[in-house]
N, C-alpha and C. Protein backbone atom coordinates (compact mmCIF):
# COMPACT_ATOMS: atom_id res chain seq x y z
N MET A 1 111.91 109.98 163.78
CA MET A 1 111.41 111.11 164.56
C MET A 1 111.90 110.98 165.99
N GLN A 2 112.51 112.04 166.53
CA GLN A 2 113.05 111.99 167.88
C GLN A 2 111.92 112.02 168.90
N GLN A 3 112.01 111.15 169.91
CA GLN A 3 111.03 111.11 170.97
C GLN A 3 111.30 112.27 171.92
N ILE A 4 110.25 113.04 172.24
CA ILE A 4 110.38 114.18 173.14
C ILE A 4 109.58 113.88 174.40
N SER A 5 110.28 113.69 175.50
CA SER A 5 109.61 113.31 176.74
C SER A 5 109.91 114.27 177.88
N SER A 6 110.68 115.33 177.60
CA SER A 6 111.02 116.29 178.65
C SER A 6 111.33 117.64 178.02
N GLU A 7 111.44 118.64 178.89
CA GLU A 7 111.77 119.98 178.40
C GLU A 7 113.16 119.99 177.77
N ILE A 8 114.08 119.24 178.35
CA ILE A 8 115.44 119.16 177.79
C ILE A 8 115.40 118.55 176.40
N ASP A 9 114.59 117.49 176.22
CA ASP A 9 114.45 116.88 174.90
C ASP A 9 113.95 117.90 173.87
N SER A 10 113.05 118.77 174.31
CA SER A 10 112.51 119.80 173.41
C SER A 10 113.61 120.75 172.95
N TYR A 11 114.46 121.17 173.90
CA TYR A 11 115.55 122.07 173.55
C TYR A 11 116.54 121.39 172.61
N VAL A 12 116.84 120.12 172.89
CA VAL A 12 117.77 119.38 172.04
C VAL A 12 117.22 119.24 170.63
N TRP A 13 115.91 118.97 170.53
CA TRP A 13 115.27 118.82 169.22
C TRP A 13 115.35 120.13 168.43
N VAL A 14 115.08 121.24 169.09
CA VAL A 14 115.16 122.54 168.42
C VAL A 14 116.59 122.81 167.97
N GLU A 15 117.55 122.53 168.85
CA GLU A 15 118.95 122.79 168.53
C GLU A 15 119.41 121.99 167.32
N ARG A 16 118.91 120.75 167.20
CA ARG A 16 119.35 119.88 166.12
C ARG A 16 118.58 120.09 164.83
N SER A 17 117.35 120.55 164.92
CA SER A 17 116.47 120.57 163.76
C SER A 17 116.36 121.92 163.07
N PHE A 18 116.76 122.98 163.75
CA PHE A 18 116.62 124.32 163.19
C PHE A 18 117.98 124.98 163.03
N GLN A 19 118.07 125.86 162.04
CA GLN A 19 119.31 126.59 161.85
C GLN A 19 119.21 127.97 162.49
N VAL A 20 120.37 128.55 162.73
CA VAL A 20 120.44 129.89 163.29
C VAL A 20 120.78 130.84 162.15
N PHE A 21 119.87 131.78 161.89
CA PHE A 21 120.10 132.76 160.83
C PHE A 21 119.17 133.94 161.12
N ARG A 22 119.68 134.88 161.91
CA ARG A 22 118.82 135.99 162.31
C ARG A 22 119.64 137.24 162.56
N SER A 23 119.15 138.34 162.04
CA SER A 23 119.80 139.62 162.31
C SER A 23 119.55 140.03 163.75
N PRO A 24 120.35 140.95 164.29
CA PRO A 24 120.14 141.39 165.67
C PRO A 24 118.71 141.88 165.90
N MET A 25 118.21 141.68 167.11
CA MET A 25 116.82 142.00 167.40
C MET A 25 116.49 143.48 167.18
N TYR A 26 117.47 144.37 167.36
CA TYR A 26 117.16 145.79 167.19
C TYR A 26 116.73 146.13 165.77
N THR A 27 117.11 145.28 164.80
CA THR A 27 116.75 145.58 163.41
C THR A 27 115.26 145.41 163.15
N VAL A 28 114.57 144.73 164.06
CA VAL A 28 113.11 144.63 163.95
C VAL A 28 112.48 146.01 164.02
N TYR A 29 113.09 146.89 164.82
CA TYR A 29 112.54 148.23 165.02
C TYR A 29 113.19 149.26 164.09
N THR A 30 114.49 149.09 163.83
CA THR A 30 115.18 150.08 162.99
C THR A 30 115.08 149.77 161.51
N GLU A 31 114.78 148.50 161.18
CA GLU A 31 114.71 148.03 159.80
C GLU A 31 116.05 148.19 159.07
N ASP A 32 117.14 148.24 159.84
CA ASP A 32 118.47 148.28 159.24
C ASP A 32 118.78 146.94 158.59
N LYS A 33 119.53 146.96 157.50
CA LYS A 33 119.97 145.74 156.83
C LYS A 33 121.31 145.32 157.43
N VAL A 34 121.28 144.31 158.25
CA VAL A 34 122.48 143.84 158.93
C VAL A 34 122.62 142.34 158.70
N ASP A 35 123.84 141.92 158.34
CA ASP A 35 124.08 140.49 158.18
C ASP A 35 123.87 139.77 159.50
N PRO A 36 123.20 138.62 159.48
CA PRO A 36 123.06 137.84 160.71
C PRO A 36 124.44 137.51 161.29
N PRO A 37 124.70 137.89 162.55
CA PRO A 37 126.03 137.64 163.13
C PRO A 37 126.29 136.15 163.35
N LEU A 38 125.24 135.37 163.51
CA LEU A 38 125.37 133.93 163.65
C LEU A 38 124.66 133.24 162.49
N GLN A 39 125.37 132.38 161.80
CA GLN A 39 124.78 131.60 160.72
C GLN A 39 125.23 130.16 160.91
N ILE A 40 124.33 129.37 161.51
CA ILE A 40 124.66 127.98 161.86
C ILE A 40 123.64 127.06 161.20
N VAL A 41 124.11 126.17 160.37
CA VAL A 41 123.21 125.28 159.65
C VAL A 41 122.68 124.20 160.59
N GLU A 42 121.54 123.61 160.24
CA GLU A 42 120.95 122.59 161.09
C GLU A 42 121.75 121.29 161.04
N GLU A 43 121.52 120.43 162.02
CA GLU A 43 122.32 119.21 162.16
C GLU A 43 122.26 118.26 160.97
N PRO A 44 121.11 118.10 160.28
CA PRO A 44 121.10 117.19 159.12
C PRO A 44 122.09 117.57 158.01
N ILE A 45 122.56 118.82 157.99
CA ILE A 45 123.61 119.22 157.05
C ILE A 45 124.95 119.29 157.76
N MET A 46 124.97 119.88 158.95
CA MET A 46 126.22 120.01 159.69
C MET A 46 126.83 118.66 160.03
N GLY A 47 125.98 117.71 160.43
CA GLY A 47 126.46 116.39 160.84
C GLY A 47 127.22 115.67 159.74
N PRO A 48 126.61 115.46 158.57
CA PRO A 48 127.33 114.79 157.48
C PRO A 48 128.56 115.56 157.03
N THR A 49 128.49 116.89 157.04
CA THR A 49 129.65 117.69 156.62
C THR A 49 130.84 117.42 157.55
N ALA A 50 130.58 117.46 158.85
CA ALA A 50 131.65 117.23 159.81
C ALA A 50 132.17 115.79 159.73
N PHE A 51 131.25 114.84 159.56
CA PHE A 51 131.64 113.44 159.52
C PHE A 51 132.48 113.12 158.29
N VAL A 52 132.06 113.64 157.13
CA VAL A 52 132.81 113.40 155.90
C VAL A 52 134.19 114.06 155.99
N ARG A 53 134.26 115.23 156.58
CA ARG A 53 135.56 115.89 156.76
C ARG A 53 136.48 115.05 157.65
N LEU A 54 135.92 114.47 158.71
CA LEU A 54 136.71 113.61 159.59
C LEU A 54 137.24 112.40 158.82
N LEU A 55 136.37 111.78 158.04
CA LEU A 55 136.79 110.62 157.24
C LEU A 55 137.88 111.01 156.24
N THR A 56 137.78 112.23 155.71
CA THR A 56 138.79 112.70 154.75
C THR A 56 140.15 112.84 155.42
N ILE A 57 140.15 113.37 156.64
CA ILE A 57 141.42 113.49 157.38
C ILE A 57 142.01 112.12 157.62
N LEU A 58 141.18 111.16 158.01
CA LEU A 58 141.68 109.81 158.25
C LEU A 58 142.21 109.19 156.95
N ALA A 59 141.53 109.46 155.85
CA ALA A 59 141.97 108.90 154.56
C ALA A 59 143.31 109.50 154.13
N THR A 60 143.47 110.80 154.31
CA THR A 60 144.72 111.44 153.90
C THR A 60 145.90 110.95 154.74
N ARG A 61 145.61 110.45 155.93
CA ARG A 61 146.67 109.91 156.80
C ARG A 61 146.79 108.39 156.68
N ASP A 62 146.11 107.84 155.67
CA ASP A 62 146.16 106.39 155.42
C ASP A 62 145.71 105.56 156.61
N LEU A 63 144.71 106.06 157.32
CA LEU A 63 144.24 105.36 158.51
C LEU A 63 142.96 104.56 158.27
N LEU A 64 142.18 104.92 157.25
CA LEU A 64 140.92 104.21 157.03
C LEU A 64 141.15 102.72 156.80
N GLU A 65 142.21 102.37 156.12
CA GLU A 65 142.51 100.96 155.84
C GLU A 65 143.11 100.26 157.05
N LYS A 66 143.69 101.04 157.96
CA LYS A 66 144.38 100.44 159.11
C LYS A 66 143.47 100.24 160.31
N ILE A 67 142.45 101.09 160.44
CA ILE A 67 141.59 101.04 161.63
C ILE A 67 140.96 99.66 161.86
N PRO A 68 140.48 98.96 160.82
CA PRO A 68 139.89 97.63 161.07
C PRO A 68 140.86 96.64 161.73
N LYS A 69 142.16 96.89 161.60
CA LYS A 69 143.16 95.98 162.16
C LYS A 69 143.64 96.41 163.55
N TRP A 70 143.16 97.55 164.01
CA TRP A 70 143.60 98.04 165.32
C TRP A 70 143.18 97.10 166.44
N LYS A 71 144.07 96.94 167.42
CA LYS A 71 143.76 96.17 168.62
C LYS A 71 143.46 97.08 169.81
N LYS A 72 143.91 98.33 169.68
CA LYS A 72 143.63 99.31 170.73
C LYS A 72 143.66 100.70 170.11
N LEU A 73 143.11 101.66 170.81
CA LEU A 73 143.07 103.03 170.32
C LEU A 73 144.41 103.72 170.55
N PRO A 74 144.74 104.69 169.69
CA PRO A 74 146.00 105.43 169.87
C PRO A 74 146.01 106.21 171.19
N VAL A 75 147.19 106.44 171.69
CA VAL A 75 147.35 107.23 172.90
C VAL A 75 146.80 108.64 172.66
N GLY A 76 146.05 109.15 173.62
CA GLY A 76 145.49 110.49 173.50
C GLY A 76 144.05 110.51 173.06
N THR A 77 143.50 109.35 172.69
CA THR A 77 142.10 109.27 172.30
C THR A 77 141.21 109.54 173.51
N SER A 78 140.12 110.22 173.29
CA SER A 78 139.19 110.53 174.37
C SER A 78 138.75 109.26 175.10
N GLY A 79 138.67 109.36 176.41
CA GLY A 79 138.28 108.21 177.21
C GLY A 79 136.86 107.76 176.98
N SER A 80 136.02 108.64 176.41
CA SER A 80 134.63 108.28 176.14
C SER A 80 134.46 107.54 174.82
N THR A 81 135.55 107.41 174.07
CA THR A 81 135.51 106.74 172.76
C THR A 81 136.03 105.31 172.89
N THR A 82 135.31 104.38 172.30
CA THR A 82 135.75 102.99 172.35
C THR A 82 136.26 102.55 170.98
N LEU A 83 137.04 101.50 170.99
CA LEU A 83 137.56 100.94 169.74
C LEU A 83 136.42 100.47 168.85
N ALA A 84 135.40 99.88 169.46
CA ALA A 84 134.26 99.40 168.69
C ALA A 84 133.54 100.54 167.98
N GLN A 85 133.42 101.67 168.65
CA GLN A 85 132.77 102.84 168.03
C GLN A 85 133.56 103.33 166.83
N VAL A 86 134.87 103.43 166.99
CA VAL A 86 135.72 103.92 165.90
C VAL A 86 135.63 102.99 164.70
N LYS A 87 135.67 101.69 164.95
CA LYS A 87 135.59 100.73 163.85
C LYS A 87 134.23 100.78 163.17
N GLN A 88 133.18 100.97 163.95
CA GLN A 88 131.85 101.06 163.35
C GLN A 88 131.71 102.32 162.50
N MET A 89 132.18 103.46 163.01
CA MET A 89 132.04 104.73 162.31
C MET A 89 132.82 104.77 161.00
N THR A 90 133.94 104.08 160.97
CA THR A 90 134.82 104.14 159.80
C THR A 90 134.75 102.89 158.94
N GLY A 91 133.80 102.01 159.24
CA GLY A 91 133.69 100.77 158.50
C GLY A 91 133.23 100.98 157.06
N TYR A 92 133.58 100.05 156.21
CA TYR A 92 133.28 100.14 154.78
C TYR A 92 131.78 100.29 154.53
N GLU A 93 130.98 99.47 155.20
CA GLU A 93 129.53 99.52 154.97
C GLU A 93 128.93 100.81 155.51
N ARG A 94 129.45 101.30 156.64
CA ARG A 94 128.94 102.56 157.18
C ARG A 94 129.22 103.71 156.21
N ILE A 95 130.39 103.73 155.63
CA ILE A 95 130.73 104.78 154.66
C ILE A 95 129.84 104.69 153.43
N ARG A 96 129.58 103.49 152.98
CA ARG A 96 128.73 103.31 151.80
C ARG A 96 127.28 103.70 152.09
N THR A 97 126.88 103.65 153.33
CA THR A 97 125.55 104.13 153.71
C THR A 97 125.53 105.66 153.79
N LEU A 98 126.61 106.21 154.34
CA LEU A 98 126.69 107.66 154.56
C LEU A 98 126.70 108.46 153.26
N LEU A 99 127.51 108.06 152.30
CA LEU A 99 127.76 108.92 151.13
C LEU A 99 126.51 109.23 150.31
N PRO A 100 125.68 108.23 149.96
CA PRO A 100 124.46 108.56 149.21
C PRO A 100 123.50 109.44 150.01
N LEU A 101 123.44 109.20 151.31
CA LEU A 101 122.59 110.03 152.16
C LEU A 101 123.06 111.48 152.15
N ALA A 102 124.37 111.67 152.30
CA ALA A 102 124.92 113.03 152.29
C ALA A 102 124.67 113.72 150.96
N LEU A 103 124.81 112.97 149.86
CA LEU A 103 124.59 113.56 148.54
C LEU A 103 123.13 113.98 148.36
N ARG A 104 122.21 113.16 148.85
CA ARG A 104 120.79 113.53 148.78
C ARG A 104 120.51 114.80 149.58
N ARG A 105 121.20 114.95 150.69
CA ARG A 105 120.99 116.15 151.50
C ARG A 105 121.54 117.40 150.82
N VAL A 106 122.60 117.25 150.04
CA VAL A 106 123.09 118.39 149.25
C VAL A 106 122.00 118.85 148.30
N THR A 107 121.45 117.91 147.54
CA THR A 107 120.41 118.24 146.58
C THR A 107 119.19 118.83 147.28
N GLY A 108 118.80 118.22 148.38
CA GLY A 108 117.63 118.70 149.12
C GLY A 108 117.82 120.10 149.65
N HIS A 109 119.03 120.41 150.10
CA HIS A 109 119.26 121.75 150.66
C HIS A 109 119.35 122.78 149.55
N ARG A 110 119.86 122.38 148.40
CA ARG A 110 119.83 123.30 147.25
C ARG A 110 118.39 123.62 146.87
N GLU A 111 117.55 122.61 146.89
CA GLU A 111 116.13 122.84 146.58
C GLU A 111 115.46 123.71 147.65
N THR A 112 115.93 123.60 148.89
CA THR A 112 115.44 124.49 149.94
C THR A 112 115.75 125.94 149.59
N GLY A 113 116.94 126.17 149.05
CA GLY A 113 117.28 127.51 148.60
C GLY A 113 116.34 128.01 147.52
N HIS A 114 116.00 127.12 146.57
CA HIS A 114 115.05 127.49 145.51
C HIS A 114 113.72 127.94 146.11
N LYS A 115 113.24 127.17 147.09
CA LYS A 115 111.94 127.49 147.70
C LYS A 115 111.98 128.84 148.41
N ARG A 116 113.08 129.13 149.08
CA ARG A 116 113.17 130.39 149.82
C ARG A 116 113.16 131.59 148.88
N ILE A 117 113.82 131.46 147.74
CA ILE A 117 113.87 132.61 146.84
C ILE A 117 112.56 132.74 146.06
N LYS A 118 111.95 131.62 145.71
CA LYS A 118 110.70 131.68 144.93
C LYS A 118 109.52 132.10 145.80
N ARG A 119 109.50 131.62 147.04
CA ARG A 119 108.35 131.88 147.90
C ARG A 119 108.41 133.25 148.56
N ASP A 120 109.57 133.59 149.11
CA ASP A 120 109.67 134.81 149.91
C ASP A 120 110.68 135.82 149.38
N ASN A 121 111.39 135.47 148.31
CA ASN A 121 112.42 136.33 147.74
C ASN A 121 113.46 136.74 148.78
N GLU A 122 113.79 135.79 149.66
CA GLU A 122 114.78 136.04 150.70
C GLU A 122 116.16 135.63 150.18
N MET A 123 116.83 136.55 149.53
CA MET A 123 118.10 136.22 148.88
C MET A 123 119.17 135.80 149.86
N ASP A 124 119.25 136.51 151.01
CA ASP A 124 120.29 136.15 151.96
C ASP A 124 120.04 134.79 152.58
N PHE A 125 118.79 134.49 152.90
CA PHE A 125 118.43 133.20 153.50
C PHE A 125 118.59 132.07 152.48
N ALA A 126 118.21 132.33 151.24
CA ALA A 126 118.40 131.33 150.19
C ALA A 126 119.89 131.10 149.94
N GLY A 127 120.66 132.19 149.94
CA GLY A 127 122.09 132.06 149.74
C GLY A 127 122.76 131.22 150.81
N PHE A 128 122.26 131.32 152.04
CA PHE A 128 122.78 130.50 153.13
C PHE A 128 122.54 129.02 152.86
N ALA A 129 121.36 128.71 152.32
CA ALA A 129 121.07 127.31 151.98
C ALA A 129 122.00 126.81 150.88
N TYR A 130 122.21 127.63 149.87
CA TYR A 130 123.09 127.22 148.76
C TYR A 130 124.53 127.04 149.23
N SER A 131 125.03 127.98 150.04
CA SER A 131 126.43 127.90 150.46
C SER A 131 126.67 126.74 151.41
N SER A 132 125.71 126.45 152.30
CA SER A 132 125.90 125.31 153.21
C SER A 132 125.78 123.99 152.47
N ALA A 133 124.94 123.95 151.44
CA ALA A 133 124.88 122.75 150.59
C ALA A 133 126.20 122.57 149.85
N ALA A 134 126.79 123.68 149.40
CA ALA A 134 128.08 123.61 148.71
C ALA A 134 129.18 123.10 149.64
N GLU A 135 129.11 123.46 150.93
CA GLU A 135 130.10 122.97 151.90
C GLU A 135 130.06 121.46 152.00
N LEU A 136 128.86 120.90 152.03
CA LEU A 136 128.75 119.44 152.10
C LEU A 136 129.21 118.81 150.79
N ALA A 137 128.87 119.43 149.68
CA ALA A 137 129.29 118.90 148.37
C ALA A 137 130.80 118.89 148.26
N VAL A 138 131.47 119.96 148.69
CA VAL A 138 132.92 120.01 148.56
C VAL A 138 133.58 119.03 149.53
N ALA A 139 132.93 118.75 150.65
CA ALA A 139 133.45 117.73 151.56
C ALA A 139 133.42 116.36 150.90
N LEU A 140 132.35 116.08 150.16
CA LEU A 140 132.24 114.80 149.45
C LEU A 140 133.30 114.69 148.35
N VAL A 141 133.52 115.78 147.64
CA VAL A 141 134.54 115.77 146.59
C VAL A 141 135.92 115.54 147.19
N ALA A 142 136.19 116.21 148.30
CA ALA A 142 137.50 116.05 148.95
C ALA A 142 137.69 114.62 149.43
N PHE A 143 136.63 114.01 149.95
CA PHE A 143 136.73 112.61 150.39
C PHE A 143 137.00 111.68 149.21
N ASP A 144 136.31 111.94 148.11
CA ASP A 144 136.52 111.12 146.91
C ASP A 144 137.97 111.19 146.45
N GLU A 145 138.54 112.39 146.47
CA GLU A 145 139.93 112.55 146.05
C GLU A 145 140.90 111.91 147.05
N ALA A 146 140.59 112.04 148.34
CA ALA A 146 141.47 111.48 149.36
C ALA A 146 141.50 109.95 149.34
N THR A 147 140.39 109.35 148.88
CA THR A 147 140.32 107.88 148.84
C THR A 147 140.62 107.33 147.46
N GLY A 148 141.09 108.18 146.57
CA GLY A 148 141.47 107.71 145.24
C GLY A 148 140.33 107.16 144.42
N GLY A 149 139.12 107.65 144.68
CA GLY A 149 137.96 107.21 143.90
C GLY A 149 137.39 105.86 144.29
N ARG A 150 137.79 105.35 145.44
CA ARG A 150 137.31 104.03 145.86
C ARG A 150 135.79 103.98 145.99
N TYR A 151 135.19 105.09 146.38
CA TYR A 151 133.73 105.16 146.59
C TYR A 151 133.07 106.02 145.51
N ARG A 152 133.73 106.20 144.38
CA ARG A 152 133.25 107.16 143.38
C ARG A 152 131.85 106.84 142.87
N ASP A 153 131.50 105.56 142.83
CA ASP A 153 130.16 105.21 142.35
C ASP A 153 129.07 105.78 143.25
N LEU A 154 129.43 106.13 144.48
CA LEU A 154 128.44 106.64 145.43
C LEU A 154 128.41 108.16 145.51
N VAL A 155 129.38 108.82 144.91
CA VAL A 155 129.41 110.28 144.97
C VAL A 155 129.28 110.92 143.59
N HIS A 156 128.89 110.14 142.61
CA HIS A 156 128.61 110.73 141.29
C HIS A 156 127.50 111.77 141.46
N GLY A 157 127.74 112.94 140.97
CA GLY A 157 126.78 114.03 141.11
C GLY A 157 127.24 115.08 142.10
N ALA A 158 128.19 114.74 142.99
CA ALA A 158 128.64 115.71 143.99
C ALA A 158 129.33 116.90 143.34
N ARG A 159 130.14 116.63 142.32
CA ARG A 159 130.85 117.73 141.64
C ARG A 159 129.87 118.64 140.89
N LYS A 160 128.89 118.04 140.27
CA LYS A 160 127.87 118.85 139.58
C LYS A 160 127.09 119.69 140.59
N GLU A 161 126.73 119.07 141.72
CA GLU A 161 126.02 119.80 142.76
C GLU A 161 126.85 120.97 143.27
N LEU A 162 128.15 120.76 143.39
CA LEU A 162 129.03 121.83 143.86
C LEU A 162 128.98 123.02 142.92
N VAL A 163 129.04 122.76 141.62
CA VAL A 163 128.97 123.84 140.63
C VAL A 163 127.63 124.58 140.75
N LEU A 164 126.55 123.84 140.84
CA LEU A 164 125.22 124.45 140.90
C LEU A 164 125.03 125.26 142.18
N CYS A 165 125.44 124.69 143.31
CA CYS A 165 125.26 125.37 144.59
C CYS A 165 126.08 126.65 144.67
N LEU A 166 127.34 126.58 144.23
CA LEU A 166 128.19 127.77 144.26
C LEU A 166 127.66 128.86 143.32
N GLY A 167 127.19 128.43 142.15
CA GLY A 167 126.62 129.40 141.21
C GLY A 167 125.40 130.09 141.78
N ASN A 168 124.52 129.31 142.40
CA ASN A 168 123.32 129.90 143.00
C ASN A 168 123.67 130.81 144.17
N ALA A 169 124.65 130.38 144.98
CA ALA A 169 125.09 131.23 146.09
C ALA A 169 125.65 132.55 145.58
N ALA A 170 126.39 132.49 144.47
CA ALA A 170 126.93 133.71 143.87
C ALA A 170 125.81 134.65 143.42
N GLU A 171 124.78 134.08 142.79
CA GLU A 171 123.66 134.89 142.32
C GLU A 171 122.96 135.60 143.48
N MET A 172 122.78 134.90 144.59
CA MET A 172 122.14 135.52 145.75
C MET A 172 123.03 136.63 146.33
N ALA A 173 124.33 136.38 146.38
CA ALA A 173 125.24 137.38 146.93
C ALA A 173 125.26 138.64 146.05
N ILE A 174 125.19 138.45 144.75
CA ILE A 174 125.11 139.61 143.85
C ILE A 174 123.83 140.38 144.11
N GLY A 175 122.74 139.65 144.32
CA GLY A 175 121.45 140.28 144.55
C GLY A 175 121.41 141.16 145.78
N ILE A 176 122.20 140.81 146.80
CA ILE A 176 122.23 141.63 148.02
C ILE A 176 123.49 142.50 148.08
N LYS A 177 124.18 142.58 146.92
CA LYS A 177 125.34 143.47 146.75
C LYS A 177 126.53 143.09 147.64
N HIS A 178 126.66 141.83 147.91
CA HIS A 178 127.85 141.33 148.60
C HIS A 178 128.82 140.81 147.53
N PHE A 179 129.45 141.75 146.84
CA PHE A 179 130.17 141.40 145.63
C PHE A 179 131.45 140.60 145.88
N LYS A 180 132.11 140.86 146.98
CA LYS A 180 133.33 140.10 147.28
C LYS A 180 132.99 138.63 147.50
N ARG A 181 131.94 138.39 148.26
CA ARG A 181 131.48 137.02 148.49
C ARG A 181 131.02 136.39 147.18
N ALA A 182 130.30 137.18 146.38
CA ALA A 182 129.81 136.68 145.10
C ALA A 182 130.95 136.27 144.19
N LEU A 183 132.01 137.06 144.18
CA LEU A 183 133.16 136.75 143.33
C LEU A 183 133.81 135.44 143.77
N SER A 184 133.89 135.23 145.06
CA SER A 184 134.46 133.99 145.58
C SER A 184 133.63 132.79 145.16
N PHE A 185 132.31 132.90 145.33
CA PHE A 185 131.43 131.79 144.96
C PHE A 185 131.46 131.53 143.46
N ALA A 186 131.36 132.59 142.67
CA ALA A 186 131.30 132.43 141.21
C ALA A 186 132.60 131.87 140.66
N THR A 187 133.72 132.36 141.17
CA THR A 187 135.02 131.83 140.74
C THR A 187 135.15 130.36 141.10
N GLY A 188 134.68 130.01 142.30
CA GLY A 188 134.70 128.61 142.70
C GLY A 188 133.85 127.74 141.80
N ALA A 189 132.69 128.27 141.39
CA ALA A 189 131.81 127.51 140.49
C ALA A 189 132.47 127.27 139.14
N VAL A 190 133.16 128.29 138.64
CA VAL A 190 133.85 128.15 137.35
C VAL A 190 134.97 127.12 137.46
N GLU A 191 135.74 127.20 138.53
CA GLU A 191 136.85 126.25 138.72
C GLU A 191 136.34 124.83 138.92
N ALA A 192 135.25 124.69 139.67
CA ALA A 192 134.70 123.37 139.95
C ALA A 192 134.16 122.70 138.70
N ALA A 193 133.83 123.49 137.68
CA ALA A 193 133.27 122.94 136.43
C ALA A 193 134.34 122.46 135.47
N ARG A 194 135.60 122.67 135.80
CA ARG A 194 136.68 122.25 134.91
C ARG A 194 136.95 120.75 135.06
N ASN A 195 137.13 120.07 133.94
CA ASN A 195 137.54 118.66 133.92
C ASN A 195 136.63 117.75 134.74
N LEU A 196 135.34 117.96 134.61
CA LEU A 196 134.38 117.12 135.33
C LEU A 196 134.27 115.74 134.69
N PRO A 197 134.06 114.69 135.50
CA PRO A 197 133.78 113.37 134.93
C PRO A 197 132.52 113.43 134.08
N ALA A 198 132.38 112.49 133.16
CA ALA A 198 131.25 112.50 132.22
C ALA A 198 129.91 112.55 132.93
N ARG A 199 129.79 111.80 134.03
CA ARG A 199 128.50 111.73 134.73
C ARG A 199 128.22 112.97 135.58
N ASP A 200 129.18 113.86 135.68
CA ASP A 200 128.98 115.07 136.48
C ASP A 200 128.98 116.33 135.63
N GLN A 201 128.98 116.17 134.31
CA GLN A 201 129.05 117.32 133.43
C GLN A 201 127.86 118.27 133.65
N VAL A 202 128.13 119.56 133.57
CA VAL A 202 127.06 120.56 133.61
C VAL A 202 126.92 121.17 132.22
N GLU A 203 125.76 121.73 131.95
CA GLU A 203 125.49 122.30 130.65
C GLU A 203 126.38 123.53 130.41
N GLU A 204 126.69 123.77 129.14
CA GLU A 204 127.50 124.94 128.80
C GLU A 204 126.83 126.24 129.24
N THR A 205 125.50 126.23 129.24
CA THR A 205 124.78 127.44 129.67
C THR A 205 125.06 127.75 131.14
N VAL A 206 125.25 126.71 131.95
CA VAL A 206 125.56 126.91 133.37
C VAL A 206 126.96 127.51 133.52
N VAL A 207 127.91 126.98 132.76
CA VAL A 207 129.27 127.52 132.79
C VAL A 207 129.28 128.98 132.37
N ALA A 208 128.57 129.28 131.28
CA ALA A 208 128.51 130.65 130.78
C ALA A 208 127.86 131.59 131.81
N LYS A 209 126.83 131.11 132.47
CA LYS A 209 126.15 131.92 133.48
C LYS A 209 127.08 132.23 134.64
N ASN A 210 127.89 131.25 135.05
CA ASN A 210 128.82 131.48 136.15
C ASN A 210 129.94 132.43 135.75
N LEU A 211 130.37 132.37 134.50
CA LEU A 211 131.37 133.34 134.02
C LEU A 211 130.79 134.76 134.05
N ARG A 212 129.53 134.88 133.68
CA ARG A 212 128.89 136.21 133.75
C ARG A 212 128.78 136.68 135.20
N ARG A 213 128.55 135.73 136.10
CA ARG A 213 128.46 136.09 137.52
C ARG A 213 129.81 136.61 138.03
N VAL A 214 130.88 136.00 137.55
CA VAL A 214 132.22 136.50 137.89
C VAL A 214 132.35 137.95 137.43
N ASP A 215 131.95 138.21 136.20
CA ASP A 215 132.05 139.57 135.64
C ASP A 215 131.18 140.55 136.42
N ARG A 216 129.97 140.14 136.77
CA ARG A 216 129.07 141.03 137.52
C ARG A 216 129.62 141.34 138.90
N ALA A 217 130.21 140.32 139.53
CA ALA A 217 130.79 140.54 140.86
C ALA A 217 131.98 141.49 140.76
N ARG A 218 132.81 141.30 139.73
CA ARG A 218 133.96 142.18 139.55
C ARG A 218 133.51 143.61 139.28
N ALA A 219 132.47 143.74 138.46
CA ALA A 219 131.94 145.08 138.17
C ALA A 219 131.43 145.74 139.45
N GLY A 220 130.78 144.95 140.29
CA GLY A 220 130.29 145.48 141.56
C GLY A 220 131.40 145.95 142.48
N LEU A 221 132.58 145.32 142.33
CA LEU A 221 133.73 145.70 143.12
C LEU A 221 134.56 146.81 142.47
N GLY A 222 134.11 147.23 141.27
CA GLY A 222 134.83 148.27 140.56
C GLY A 222 136.05 147.76 139.82
N GLN A 223 136.10 146.45 139.59
CA GLN A 223 137.24 145.86 138.87
C GLN A 223 136.98 145.85 137.37
N LEU A 224 138.07 145.74 136.62
CA LEU A 224 137.98 145.70 135.15
C LEU A 224 137.33 144.39 134.72
N VAL A 225 136.37 144.47 133.83
CA VAL A 225 135.64 143.29 133.37
C VAL A 225 135.93 143.06 131.89
N PRO A 226 136.28 141.82 131.49
CA PRO A 226 136.52 141.54 130.07
C PRO A 226 135.28 141.84 129.24
N THR A 227 135.49 142.28 128.00
CA THR A 227 134.37 142.60 127.12
C THR A 227 134.01 141.45 126.21
N SER A 228 134.72 140.33 126.32
CA SER A 228 134.53 139.20 125.40
C SER A 228 133.34 138.33 125.78
N ARG A 229 132.80 138.49 127.00
CA ARG A 229 131.70 137.64 127.43
C ARG A 229 130.42 138.43 127.50
């Protein structure tokens, strides 16, 4: 729990702990349906997503294995960054601590989406939870691929979560008639379910549901829909 001892601390706590998802204030009076112009997830999701993406970039450049041997930082590194900080952030044990935590947050945020739709039937707000959880899940999958499965024992379930989160996000987008977005999410869910490892397999009913979501989104866009499903 963050200690709050000043007005500035209060603002920092709000900024880090709450997400931004609000339609323009005029819609309170007009009751117009307008997409929130700002949609910013809270730090407990944004932080791991950004950090895992950074680690993925380092892994794709073959730097994760080299950083522990560095004697100095590369030219152009920010002056506020120290070699000790970089080594700590990218260390083997730090990564092994990060990955399970990030995966738990994916699941937790997906469940947040469930609560929003069941409690208040807020499809757009629930969809935001599902899509931001999917962003973290796909970051974990990308890191796993970039590191050649070195940490795979810690990210088992990320691929399954990605399928579930994208499918749920597609369902919410269909519900609010955002069919182009729904098609993107549903297609992603179908693709993500292909060739899953045994421990990440999803039920056939989930795959079938996502295929139907693809069809519903296409129908909403006026596209031709196969009659075989």
